[in-house]
N, C-alpha and C. Protein backbone atom coordinates (compact mmCIF):
# COMPACT_ATOMS: atom_id res chain seq x y z
N GLY A 1 -174.55 -242.45 146.35
CA GLY A 1 -174.09 -243.48 145.40
C GLY A 1 -172.71 -243.83 144.98
N VAL A 2 -172.41 -244.38 144.05
CA VAL A 2 -170.87 -244.70 143.56
C VAL A 2 -170.69 -243.91 142.01
N ASP A 3 -169.63 -243.36 142.04
CA ASP A 3 -169.43 -242.50 140.62
C ASP A 3 -168.78 -243.70 139.76
N ALA A 4 -169.61 -244.03 138.76
CA ALA A 4 -168.95 -245.14 137.90
C ALA A 4 -167.73 -244.93 137.11
N GLN A 5 -167.51 -243.61 136.78
CA GLN A 5 -166.35 -243.56 135.93
C GLN A 5 -165.14 -243.54 136.65
N GLU A 6 -165.23 -243.03 138.38
CA GLU A 6 -164.20 -243.11 139.29
C GLU A 6 -163.93 -244.12 139.66
N TYR A 7 -164.82 -245.04 139.71
CA TYR A 7 -164.74 -246.54 140.25
C TYR A 7 -164.05 -247.35 139.15
N GLY A 8 -164.45 -247.02 137.88
CA GLY A 8 -163.94 -247.86 136.60
C GLY A 8 -162.57 -247.37 136.61
N LEU A 9 -162.05 -246.16 136.67
CA LEU A 9 -160.77 -245.67 136.79
C LEU A 9 -159.84 -246.27 138.01
N GLU A 10 -160.22 -246.42 139.03
CA GLU A 10 -159.73 -246.97 140.04
C GLU A 10 -159.27 -248.49 140.04
N MET A 11 -160.36 -249.27 139.19
CA MET A 11 -160.08 -250.48 138.97
C MET A 11 -159.24 -250.81 137.99
N LEU A 12 -159.27 -249.84 137.03
CA LEU A 12 -158.03 -250.12 135.79
C LEU A 12 -156.74 -249.62 136.50
N LYS A 13 -156.53 -248.69 137.19
CA LYS A 13 -155.46 -248.30 138.04
C LYS A 13 -154.80 -249.33 138.61
N ALA A 14 -155.60 -250.10 139.39
CA ALA A 14 -155.32 -251.12 140.28
C ALA A 14 -154.65 -252.42 139.40
N GLY A 15 -155.58 -252.86 138.36
CA GLY A 15 -154.95 -253.83 137.59
C GLY A 15 -153.89 -253.65 136.74
N ALA A 16 -153.26 -252.13 136.51
CA ALA A 16 -152.29 -251.99 135.76
C ALA A 16 -151.25 -251.44 136.50
N SER A 17 -151.37 -251.66 137.54
CA SER A 17 -150.19 -250.89 138.81
C SER A 17 -148.85 -251.54 138.54
N THR A 18 -148.21 -250.67 138.40
CA THR A 18 -146.75 -250.85 138.11
C THR A 18 -145.84 -250.84 139.30
N LEU A 19 -146.34 -250.38 140.42
CA LEU A 19 -145.77 -250.22 142.03
C LEU A 19 -145.03 -251.48 142.50
N ASN A 20 -145.70 -252.57 142.29
CA ASN A 20 -145.17 -253.66 143.03
C ASN A 20 -144.45 -254.55 142.03
N LYS A 21 -143.79 -253.82 141.08
CA LYS A 21 -142.76 -254.57 139.99
C LYS A 21 -141.47 -253.92 139.95
N THR A 22 -140.27 -254.64 139.80
CA THR A 22 -139.11 -253.89 139.72
C THR A 22 -138.88 -253.28 138.28
N ALA A 23 -137.75 -252.36 138.24
CA ALA A 23 -137.80 -251.89 136.93
C ALA A 23 -137.18 -252.86 135.98
N VAL A 24 -136.53 -253.66 136.19
CA VAL A 24 -136.27 -255.01 135.58
C VAL A 24 -137.45 -255.93 134.88
N GLU A 25 -138.32 -256.09 135.94
CA GLU A 25 -139.68 -256.80 135.72
C GLU A 25 -140.44 -255.94 134.73
N LEU A 26 -140.52 -254.67 134.75
CA LEU A 26 -141.11 -253.90 134.04
C LEU A 26 -140.61 -253.94 132.60
N ILE A 27 -139.48 -253.77 132.29
CA ILE A 27 -138.70 -253.79 130.93
C ILE A 27 -138.67 -255.08 130.31
N ASN A 28 -138.84 -256.13 130.88
CA ASN A 28 -138.55 -257.45 130.43
C ASN A 28 -140.42 -258.05 130.30
N ALA A 29 -141.21 -257.72 130.89
CA ALA A 29 -142.54 -258.28 130.97
C ALA A 29 -143.29 -258.49 129.65
N ASP A 30 -143.07 -257.49 129.06
CA ASP A 30 -143.76 -257.81 127.42
C ASP A 30 -142.74 -257.27 126.51
N ALA A 31 -141.72 -257.81 126.51
CA ALA A 31 -140.41 -257.51 125.53
C ALA A 31 -140.14 -258.76 124.74
N LYS A 32 -139.91 -258.34 123.42
CA LYS A 32 -139.35 -259.31 122.64
C LYS A 32 -138.12 -258.86 121.89
N SER A 33 -137.42 -259.81 121.60
CA SER A 33 -135.77 -259.39 120.75
C SER A 33 -136.35 -260.05 119.23
N PHE A 34 -135.70 -258.93 118.50
CA PHE A 34 -135.77 -259.27 116.97
C PHE A 34 -134.37 -258.84 116.30
N ASN A 35 -134.37 -259.48 115.13
CA ASN A 35 -133.23 -259.50 114.14
C ASN A 35 -133.56 -258.52 113.16
N MET A 36 -132.94 -257.36 112.78
CA MET A 36 -133.12 -256.40 111.82
C MET A 36 -131.96 -256.33 111.03
N GLY A 37 -131.96 -257.16 110.08
CA GLY A 37 -130.68 -256.91 109.31
C GLY A 37 -129.43 -257.45 110.10
N ASP A 38 -128.56 -256.57 110.23
CA ASP A 38 -127.20 -257.02 111.09
C ASP A 38 -127.53 -256.59 112.68
N TYR A 39 -128.60 -256.09 112.98
CA TYR A 39 -128.96 -255.36 114.22
C TYR A 39 -129.86 -256.53 115.02
N THR A 40 -129.55 -256.65 116.41
CA THR A 40 -130.53 -257.23 117.34
C THR A 40 -130.99 -256.30 118.06
N VAL A 41 -132.54 -256.07 118.20
CA VAL A 41 -133.43 -254.80 118.88
C VAL A 41 -133.98 -255.81 119.92
N ARG A 42 -134.35 -255.07 120.94
CA ARG A 42 -135.30 -255.49 122.03
C ARG A 42 -136.40 -254.40 122.16
N ILE A 43 -137.70 -254.61 121.76
CA ILE A 43 -138.72 -253.90 122.14
C ILE A 43 -139.73 -254.48 123.03
N GLY A 44 -140.38 -253.40 123.66
CA GLY A 44 -141.25 -253.81 124.83
C GLY A 44 -142.08 -252.91 125.12
N GLN A 45 -143.03 -252.92 125.94
CA GLN A 45 -144.06 -251.98 126.36
C GLN A 45 -144.59 -252.21 127.70
N VAL A 46 -145.16 -251.25 128.52
CA VAL A 46 -145.50 -251.26 129.77
C VAL A 46 -147.01 -250.60 129.59
N ASN A 47 -147.97 -251.33 130.27
CA ASN A 47 -149.36 -250.63 130.01
C ASN A 47 -149.68 -250.24 131.35
N THR A 48 -150.12 -248.96 131.32
CA THR A 48 -150.60 -248.24 132.67
C THR A 48 -151.54 -247.34 132.43
N VAL A 49 -152.33 -246.98 133.55
CA VAL A 49 -153.52 -246.15 133.36
C VAL A 49 -152.91 -244.67 134.21
N ASP A 50 -152.03 -244.65 134.73
CA ASP A 50 -151.47 -243.50 135.54
C ASP A 50 -150.09 -243.51 135.16
N LEU A 51 -149.95 -242.38 134.25
CA LEU A 51 -148.77 -242.01 133.49
C LEU A 51 -147.65 -241.48 134.55
N ASN A 52 -148.13 -241.02 135.45
CA ASN A 52 -147.48 -240.10 136.65
C ASN A 52 -146.62 -241.49 137.30
N GLU A 53 -147.18 -242.69 137.39
CA GLU A 53 -146.58 -243.82 138.17
C GLU A 53 -145.33 -244.14 137.48
N ILE A 54 -145.26 -243.97 136.14
CA ILE A 54 -144.30 -244.53 135.07
C ILE A 54 -143.20 -243.32 135.35
N LEU A 55 -143.59 -242.11 134.90
CA LEU A 55 -142.71 -240.96 134.96
C LEU A 55 -141.93 -240.85 136.41
N GLY A 56 -142.68 -241.10 137.27
CA GLY A 56 -141.66 -240.89 138.69
C GLY A 56 -140.83 -242.00 138.70
N ARG A 57 -140.82 -243.02 137.77
CA ARG A 57 -139.63 -244.04 137.83
C ARG A 57 -138.79 -243.86 136.61
N GLN A 58 -138.65 -242.87 135.86
CA GLN A 58 -138.21 -242.84 134.68
C GLN A 58 -136.48 -243.07 134.94
N ALA A 59 -136.05 -242.44 135.80
CA ALA A 59 -134.55 -242.30 135.83
C ALA A 59 -134.22 -243.90 136.33
N GLU A 60 -134.90 -244.55 137.29
CA GLU A 60 -134.53 -245.99 137.48
C GLU A 60 -134.73 -246.92 136.22
N LEU A 61 -136.08 -246.70 135.52
CA LEU A 61 -136.35 -247.59 134.35
C LEU A 61 -135.22 -247.35 133.30
N GLU A 62 -134.79 -246.11 133.06
CA GLU A 62 -133.75 -245.67 132.04
C GLU A 62 -132.46 -246.33 132.70
N GLN A 63 -132.13 -246.54 133.70
CA GLN A 63 -130.83 -247.29 134.26
C GLN A 63 -130.96 -248.77 133.98
N ALA A 64 -132.12 -249.23 134.29
CA ALA A 64 -132.45 -250.67 133.96
C ALA A 64 -132.26 -251.21 132.58
N ILE A 65 -132.69 -250.06 131.92
CA ILE A 65 -132.52 -250.19 130.26
C ILE A 65 -130.92 -250.14 129.82
N THR A 66 -130.57 -249.43 130.25
CA THR A 66 -128.82 -249.25 130.15
C THR A 66 -128.18 -250.29 130.39
N GLU A 67 -128.46 -250.93 131.78
CA GLU A 67 -127.63 -252.07 132.25
C GLU A 67 -127.99 -253.22 131.43
N THR A 68 -129.38 -253.42 131.13
CA THR A 68 -129.54 -254.59 130.13
C THR A 68 -128.90 -254.56 128.90
N LEU A 69 -128.91 -253.18 128.05
CA LEU A 69 -128.14 -253.17 127.05
C LEU A 69 -126.65 -253.50 127.09
N ASN A 70 -126.25 -253.05 128.29
CA ASN A 70 -124.51 -253.15 128.59
C ASN A 70 -124.48 -254.67 128.81
N ASN A 71 -125.32 -255.28 129.05
CA ASN A 71 -124.99 -256.88 129.79
C ASN A 71 -125.57 -258.02 128.51
N ALA A 72 -126.15 -257.40 127.49
CA ALA A 72 -126.59 -258.11 126.39
C ALA A 72 -125.95 -257.99 125.22
N GLU A 73 -126.37 -258.54 124.05
CA GLU A 73 -125.91 -258.43 122.78
C GLU A 73 -127.15 -257.78 121.71
N TYR A 74 -127.34 -256.47 122.39
CA TYR A 74 -128.25 -255.70 121.71
C TYR A 74 -127.59 -254.48 120.86
N ASP A 75 -128.20 -254.01 119.94
CA ASP A 75 -127.37 -252.92 119.05
C ASP A 75 -128.05 -251.60 119.30
């Protein structure tokens, strides 16, 4: 038979996979800019089931965030 929990987890992983997206796509996919007093900030989130998938790309994601901050008017 099929293990329902294993099958369900694999379905969730497939639907939340970040492997086919660039770092820039990930940091901009669900991000919004806000004014907070005199500051402009950008807040975003990435949904994933497999934390190691994101942690394996941490340096790449941090570089994309830094480049975005340097090229935009965020505080």
